[in-house]
């Protein structure tokens, strides 16, 4: 399973990539997309919506099932990836390049109690 060290992870199979001061791209992991199978739809809230850590903020659907997207940070949605609206299956092909949304957040992503580095995430998924 692909687990790059350029992002951090949550135990809910979300990756977070810092893209600037208090700005982050959010996506699902290779492991998550593999479990879901062929992704057919991603439902996200509108721009400006407040996301609460550990609370569902959207849904990702595949031909097999649907799964909640669990907020990895407290923050505000600042952008939705237009590619996933037209071609959600891009997540299957490039899970770490295809972000779902961008968040503005002042949460401390270096807190090891809440976030996992690549080796800790790899240990979680076995």
N, C-alpha and C. Protein backbone atom coordinates (compact mmCIF):
# COMPACT_ATOMS: atom_id res chain seq x y z
N UNK A 1 0.85 -1.18 0.00
CA UNK A 1 0.00 0.00 0.00
C UNK A 1 0.89 1.25 0.00
N UNK A 2 0.55 2.18 -0.82
CA UNK A 2 1.30 3.43 -0.93
C UNK A 2 1.01 4.32 0.28
N UNK A 3 2.07 4.71 1.01
CA UNK A 3 1.92 5.55 2.19
C UNK A 3 3.02 6.61 2.18
N UNK A 4 2.84 7.70 1.42
CA UNK A 4 3.89 8.71 1.33
C UNK A 4 4.13 9.44 2.65
N UNK A 5 5.36 9.85 2.85
CA UNK A 5 5.72 10.58 4.08
C UNK A 5 5.51 12.09 3.94
N UNK A 6 4.98 12.53 2.80
CA UNK A 6 4.77 13.96 2.57
C UNK A 6 3.43 14.46 3.10
N UNK A 7 2.63 13.54 3.64
CA UNK A 7 1.34 13.91 4.23
C UNK A 7 1.26 13.30 5.62
N UNK A 8 0.28 13.76 6.41
CA UNK A 8 0.00 13.11 7.69
C UNK A 8 -1.37 12.45 7.58
N UNK A 9 -1.66 11.56 8.52
CA UNK A 9 -2.83 10.70 8.42
C UNK A 9 -3.68 10.76 9.68
N UNK A 10 -4.94 10.37 9.51
CA UNK A 10 -5.81 10.14 10.66
C UNK A 10 -6.17 8.66 10.68
N UNK A 11 -6.65 8.20 11.81
CA UNK A 11 -7.06 6.80 11.90
C UNK A 11 -8.33 6.53 11.10
N UNK A 12 -8.99 7.59 10.62
CA UNK A 12 -10.18 7.46 9.78
C UNK A 12 -9.82 7.42 8.29
N UNK A 13 -8.52 7.25 7.98
CA UNK A 13 -8.02 7.07 6.62
C UNK A 13 -8.13 8.33 5.75
N UNK A 14 -7.93 9.46 6.40
CA UNK A 14 -7.87 10.75 5.73
C UNK A 14 -6.41 11.20 5.75
N UNK A 15 -5.96 11.79 4.64
CA UNK A 15 -4.62 12.39 4.64
C UNK A 15 -4.75 13.91 4.63
N UNK A 16 -3.73 14.56 5.20
CA UNK A 16 -3.69 16.02 5.31
C UNK A 16 -2.33 16.49 4.80
N UNK A 17 -2.37 17.47 3.91
CA UNK A 17 -1.12 18.03 3.38
C UNK A 17 -1.13 19.54 3.61
N UNK A 18 -0.10 20.02 4.28
CA UNK A 18 0.03 21.46 4.49
C UNK A 18 0.42 22.12 3.17
N UNK A 19 -0.32 23.17 2.80
CA UNK A 19 -0.03 23.88 1.54
C UNK A 19 0.23 25.36 1.78
N UNK A 20 0.45 25.72 3.03
CA UNK A 20 0.71 27.11 3.38
C UNK A 20 0.26 27.36 4.80
N UNK A 21 0.41 28.58 5.22
CA UNK A 21 0.04 28.95 6.59
C UNK A 21 -1.44 28.65 6.85
N UNK A 22 -1.70 27.71 7.77
CA UNK A 22 -3.05 27.31 8.18
C UNK A 22 -3.94 26.91 7.00
N UNK A 23 -3.33 26.34 5.95
CA UNK A 23 -4.06 25.90 4.78
C UNK A 23 -3.67 24.46 4.45
N UNK A 24 -4.68 23.62 4.21
CA UNK A 24 -4.43 22.19 4.05
C UNK A 24 -5.28 21.59 2.93
N UNK A 25 -4.70 20.65 2.21
CA UNK A 25 -5.46 19.80 1.30
C UNK A 25 -5.84 18.54 2.07
N UNK A 26 -7.04 18.04 1.79
CA UNK A 26 -7.58 16.87 2.48
C UNK A 26 -7.99 15.83 1.42
N UNK A 27 -7.64 14.58 1.66
CA UNK A 27 -8.04 13.51 0.76
C UNK A 27 -8.17 12.20 1.51
N UNK A 28 -8.48 11.13 0.77
CA UNK A 28 -8.53 9.81 1.40
C UNK A 28 -7.30 9.02 1.00
N UNK A 29 -6.93 8.10 1.84
CA UNK A 29 -5.71 7.33 1.63
C UNK A 29 -5.88 6.26 0.56
N UNK A 30 -4.76 5.76 0.11
CA UNK A 30 -4.73 4.66 -0.84
C UNK A 30 -5.47 3.46 -0.25
N UNK A 31 -5.25 3.20 1.02
CA UNK A 31 -5.93 2.10 1.71
C UNK A 31 -7.45 2.27 1.65
N UNK A 32 -7.92 3.48 1.93
CA UNK A 32 -9.36 3.75 1.93
C UNK A 32 -9.97 3.58 0.54
N UNK A 33 -9.30 4.12 -0.48
CA UNK A 33 -9.86 3.99 -1.82
C UNK A 33 -9.86 2.55 -2.28
N UNK A 34 -8.87 1.77 -1.83
CA UNK A 34 -8.81 0.36 -2.17
C UNK A 34 -9.99 -0.40 -1.54
N UNK A 35 -10.30 -0.08 -0.27
CA UNK A 35 -11.43 -0.72 0.40
C UNK A 35 -12.76 -0.34 -0.25
N UNK A 36 -12.88 0.92 -0.65
CA UNK A 36 -14.13 1.39 -1.25
C UNK A 36 -14.38 0.78 -2.62
N UNK A 37 -13.34 0.63 -3.40
CA UNK A 37 -13.51 0.18 -4.79
C UNK A 37 -13.73 1.38 -5.69
N UNK A 38 -14.39 1.17 -6.81
CA UNK A 38 -14.58 2.23 -7.80
C UNK A 38 -15.44 3.37 -7.25
N UNK A 39 -14.82 4.52 -7.06
CA UNK A 39 -15.53 5.68 -6.52
C UNK A 39 -16.36 6.32 -7.62
N UNK A 40 -17.63 6.58 -7.30
CA UNK A 40 -18.56 7.14 -8.29
C UNK A 40 -19.10 8.52 -7.92
N UNK A 41 -18.95 8.94 -6.65
CA UNK A 41 -19.52 10.22 -6.24
C UNK A 41 -18.87 10.66 -4.93
N UNK A 42 -18.63 11.98 -4.83
CA UNK A 42 -18.15 12.57 -3.58
C UNK A 42 -19.07 13.73 -3.25
N UNK A 43 -19.69 13.68 -2.09
CA UNK A 43 -20.58 14.74 -1.63
C UNK A 43 -19.86 15.57 -0.58
N UNK A 44 -19.66 16.83 -0.88
CA UNK A 44 -18.98 17.73 0.04
C UNK A 44 -19.87 18.92 0.35
N UNK A 45 -19.67 19.55 1.49
CA UNK A 45 -20.46 20.75 1.79
C UNK A 45 -19.98 21.95 0.96
N UNK A 46 -20.69 23.03 1.05
CA UNK A 46 -20.37 24.24 0.31
C UNK A 46 -19.13 24.94 0.86
N UNK A 47 -18.55 25.79 0.02
CA UNK A 47 -17.44 26.64 0.47
C UNK A 47 -17.90 27.44 1.68
N UNK A 48 -16.98 27.63 2.61
CA UNK A 48 -17.29 28.40 3.81
C UNK A 48 -17.89 27.59 4.94
N UNK A 49 -18.22 26.32 4.67
CA UNK A 49 -18.79 25.45 5.70
C UNK A 49 -17.74 25.16 6.77
N UNK A 50 -18.17 25.18 8.01
CA UNK A 50 -17.30 24.83 9.13
C UNK A 50 -17.22 23.31 9.24
N UNK A 51 -16.00 22.80 9.33
CA UNK A 51 -15.76 21.37 9.54
C UNK A 51 -15.31 21.20 10.98
N UNK A 52 -15.87 20.18 11.63
CA UNK A 52 -15.50 19.87 13.01
C UNK A 52 -14.73 18.56 13.03
N UNK A 53 -13.61 18.59 13.73
CA UNK A 53 -12.77 17.40 13.84
C UNK A 53 -13.58 16.23 14.39
N UNK A 54 -13.38 15.06 13.80
CA UNK A 54 -14.02 13.80 14.19
C UNK A 54 -15.52 13.76 13.94
N UNK A 55 -16.02 14.65 13.08
CA UNK A 55 -17.43 14.68 12.72
C UNK A 55 -17.55 14.58 11.20
N UNK A 56 -18.53 13.85 10.71
CA UNK A 56 -18.72 13.69 9.27
C UNK A 56 -18.98 15.05 8.62
N UNK A 57 -18.30 15.29 7.50
CA UNK A 57 -18.52 16.53 6.76
C UNK A 57 -18.87 16.26 5.30
N UNK A 58 -18.90 15.01 4.91
CA UNK A 58 -19.24 14.65 3.54
C UNK A 58 -19.34 13.14 3.42
N UNK A 59 -19.61 12.70 2.20
CA UNK A 59 -19.77 11.28 1.93
C UNK A 59 -19.03 10.95 0.64
N UNK A 60 -18.39 9.80 0.64
CA UNK A 60 -17.76 9.30 -0.58
C UNK A 60 -18.44 7.98 -0.92
N UNK A 61 -18.89 7.86 -2.17
CA UNK A 61 -19.65 6.68 -2.58
C UNK A 61 -18.90 5.90 -3.66
N UNK A 62 -18.99 4.59 -3.55
CA UNK A 62 -18.40 3.71 -4.56
C UNK A 62 -19.50 2.78 -5.06
N UNK A 63 -19.15 1.94 -6.00
CA UNK A 63 -20.14 0.98 -6.49
C UNK A 63 -20.50 -0.04 -5.41
N UNK A 64 -19.64 -0.19 -4.39
CA UNK A 64 -19.86 -1.16 -3.33
C UNK A 64 -20.57 -0.58 -2.11
N UNK A 65 -20.24 0.68 -1.75
CA UNK A 65 -20.70 1.22 -0.47
C UNK A 65 -20.57 2.74 -0.44
N UNK A 66 -21.00 3.31 0.66
CA UNK A 66 -20.80 4.74 0.91
C UNK A 66 -20.12 4.86 2.27
N UNK A 67 -19.29 5.88 2.41
CA UNK A 67 -18.56 6.08 3.65
C UNK A 67 -18.50 7.57 3.98
N UNK A 68 -18.64 7.88 5.26
CA UNK A 68 -18.53 9.27 5.69
C UNK A 68 -17.09 9.75 5.58
N UNK A 69 -16.94 11.01 5.21
CA UNK A 69 -15.65 11.69 5.31
C UNK A 69 -15.63 12.33 6.68
N UNK A 70 -14.66 11.96 7.50
CA UNK A 70 -14.59 12.43 8.88
C UNK A 70 -13.60 13.59 8.95
N UNK A 71 -14.05 14.70 9.51
CA UNK A 71 -13.22 15.89 9.61
C UNK A 71 -11.91 15.62 10.33
N UNK A 72 -10.79 15.87 9.67
CA UNK A 72 -9.50 15.66 10.32
C UNK A 72 -9.06 16.85 11.17
N UNK A 73 -9.66 18.01 10.91
CA UNK A 73 -9.30 19.27 11.58
C UNK A 73 -10.56 20.09 11.81
N UNK A 74 -10.48 21.02 12.75
CA UNK A 74 -11.51 22.05 12.87
C UNK A 74 -11.12 23.14 11.91
N UNK A 75 -12.04 23.54 11.05
CA UNK A 75 -11.69 24.58 10.09
C UNK A 75 -12.82 24.92 9.16
N UNK A 76 -12.47 25.66 8.13
CA UNK A 76 -13.43 26.14 7.15
C UNK A 76 -13.03 25.65 5.76
N UNK A 77 -14.00 25.16 5.00
CA UNK A 77 -13.72 24.72 3.64
C UNK A 77 -13.49 25.95 2.77
N UNK A 78 -12.31 25.98 2.13
CA UNK A 78 -11.95 27.11 1.28
C UNK A 78 -11.97 26.78 -0.20
N UNK A 79 -11.99 25.49 -0.54
CA UNK A 79 -12.00 25.09 -1.94
C UNK A 79 -12.47 23.64 -2.02
N UNK A 80 -13.14 23.32 -3.11
CA UNK A 80 -13.54 21.95 -3.44
C UNK A 80 -12.86 21.62 -4.76
N UNK A 81 -12.25 20.46 -4.84
CA UNK A 81 -11.56 20.07 -6.06
C UNK A 81 -12.58 19.86 -7.19
N UNK A 82 -12.51 20.68 -8.25
CA UNK A 82 -13.49 20.53 -9.33
C UNK A 82 -13.34 19.22 -10.10
N UNK A 83 -12.19 18.61 -10.05
CA UNK A 83 -11.96 17.34 -10.75
C UNK A 83 -12.85 16.23 -10.18
N UNK A 84 -13.03 16.22 -8.86
CA UNK A 84 -13.83 15.13 -8.27
C UNK A 84 -15.31 15.26 -8.58
N UNK A 85 -15.75 16.44 -8.93
CA UNK A 85 -17.16 16.61 -9.35
C UNK A 85 -17.40 15.91 -10.69
N UNK A 86 -16.44 16.04 -11.61
CA UNK A 86 -16.57 15.48 -12.95
C UNK A 86 -16.08 14.03 -13.01
N UNK A 87 -14.98 13.75 -12.32
CA UNK A 87 -14.34 12.43 -12.40
C UNK A 87 -13.91 11.95 -11.01
N UNK A 88 -14.87 11.56 -10.16
CA UNK A 88 -14.51 11.12 -8.81
C UNK A 88 -13.59 9.90 -8.80
N UNK A 89 -13.62 9.11 -9.88
CA UNK A 89 -12.77 7.93 -9.95
C UNK A 89 -11.28 8.27 -10.02
N UNK A 90 -10.95 9.54 -10.24
CA UNK A 90 -9.55 9.98 -10.22
C UNK A 90 -8.92 9.66 -8.87
N UNK A 91 -9.73 9.66 -7.82
CA UNK A 91 -9.23 9.33 -6.48
C UNK A 91 -8.67 7.91 -6.47
N UNK A 92 -9.30 6.98 -7.20
CA UNK A 92 -8.80 5.61 -7.26
C UNK A 92 -7.43 5.54 -7.91
N UNK A 93 -7.23 6.34 -8.95
CA UNK A 93 -5.97 6.30 -9.70
C UNK A 93 -4.84 7.04 -8.99
N UNK A 94 -5.16 8.17 -8.37
CA UNK A 94 -4.14 9.01 -7.75
C UNK A 94 -4.64 9.55 -6.40
N UNK A 95 -4.73 8.67 -5.39
CA UNK A 95 -5.34 9.11 -4.12
C UNK A 95 -4.57 10.21 -3.39
N UNK A 96 -3.26 10.30 -3.59
CA UNK A 96 -2.50 11.33 -2.87
C UNK A 96 -2.28 12.59 -3.70
N UNK A 97 -2.71 12.56 -4.94
CA UNK A 97 -2.65 13.75 -5.79
C UNK A 97 -4.03 14.39 -5.94
N UNK A 98 -5.07 13.61 -5.68
CA UNK A 98 -6.44 14.08 -5.86
C UNK A 98 -7.03 14.47 -4.51
N UNK A 99 -6.86 15.73 -4.17
CA UNK A 99 -7.44 16.23 -2.91
C UNK A 99 -8.94 16.42 -3.10
N UNK A 100 -9.66 16.31 -1.99
CA UNK A 100 -11.11 16.46 -2.03
C UNK A 100 -11.50 17.91 -1.76
N UNK A 101 -10.91 18.47 -0.71
CA UNK A 101 -11.20 19.86 -0.38
C UNK A 101 -9.97 20.48 0.28
N UNK A 102 -10.02 21.79 0.41
CA UNK A 102 -8.99 22.52 1.14
C UNK A 102 -9.65 23.14 2.37
N UNK A 103 -8.90 23.10 3.47
CA UNK A 103 -9.39 23.66 4.73
C UNK A 103 -8.43 24.73 5.24
N UNK A 104 -9.02 25.73 5.85
CA UNK A 104 -8.25 26.70 6.62
C UNK A 104 -8.44 26.30 8.08
N UNK A 105 -7.34 26.08 8.80
CA UNK A 105 -7.42 25.62 10.18
C UNK A 105 -6.21 26.07 10.98
N UNK A 106 -6.44 26.37 12.24
CA UNK A 106 -5.33 26.71 13.12
C UNK A 106 -4.97 25.55 14.05
N UNK A 107 -5.52 24.35 13.80
CA UNK A 107 -5.19 23.17 14.60
C UNK A 107 -3.71 22.83 14.46
N UNK A 108 -3.15 22.25 15.51
CA UNK A 108 -1.75 21.84 15.53
C UNK A 108 -1.63 20.44 14.92
N UNK A 109 -1.17 20.36 13.67
CA UNK A 109 -1.10 19.05 13.02
C UNK A 109 0.13 18.25 13.42
N UNK A 110 0.98 18.81 14.26
CA UNK A 110 2.14 18.06 14.73
C UNK A 110 1.82 17.23 15.98
N UNK A 111 0.60 17.30 16.48
CA UNK A 111 0.19 16.59 17.68
C UNK A 111 0.08 15.09 17.39
N UNK A 112 1.01 14.32 17.88
CA UNK A 112 1.08 12.87 17.61
C UNK A 112 -0.06 12.10 18.28
N UNK A 113 -0.78 12.74 19.23
CA UNK A 113 -1.94 12.08 19.84
C UNK A 113 -3.12 11.99 18.87
N UNK A 114 -3.16 12.87 17.89
CA UNK A 114 -4.29 12.93 16.96
C UNK A 114 -3.93 12.56 15.52
N UNK A 115 -2.68 12.72 15.15
CA UNK A 115 -2.27 12.52 13.76
C UNK A 115 -1.15 11.50 13.68
N UNK A 116 -1.08 10.79 12.56
CA UNK A 116 -0.11 9.73 12.36
C UNK A 116 0.85 10.09 11.24
N UNK A 117 2.13 9.75 11.43
CA UNK A 117 3.06 9.88 10.32
C UNK A 117 2.93 8.60 9.47
N UNK A 118 3.68 8.51 8.38
CA UNK A 118 3.54 7.39 7.45
C UNK A 118 3.78 6.04 8.12
N UNK A 119 4.80 5.95 8.97
CA UNK A 119 5.08 4.65 9.59
C UNK A 119 4.00 4.26 10.59
N UNK A 120 3.46 5.21 11.34
CA UNK A 120 2.38 4.91 12.29
C UNK A 120 1.11 4.51 11.54
N UNK A 121 0.84 5.19 10.42
CA UNK A 121 -0.34 4.83 9.63
C UNK A 121 -0.17 3.43 9.03
N UNK A 122 1.02 3.14 8.53
CA UNK A 122 1.30 1.83 7.97
C UNK A 122 1.09 0.75 9.03
N UNK A 123 1.51 1.01 10.26
CA UNK A 123 1.32 0.06 11.35
C UNK A 123 -0.18 -0.12 11.65
N UNK A 124 -0.95 0.95 11.53
CA UNK A 124 -2.40 0.89 11.78
C UNK A 124 -3.11 -0.02 10.78
N UNK A 125 -2.73 0.11 9.51
CA UNK A 125 -3.44 -0.67 8.48
C UNK A 125 -2.83 -2.06 8.28
N UNK A 126 -1.66 -2.28 8.92
CA UNK A 126 -1.03 -3.60 8.91
C UNK A 126 -0.48 -3.96 7.59
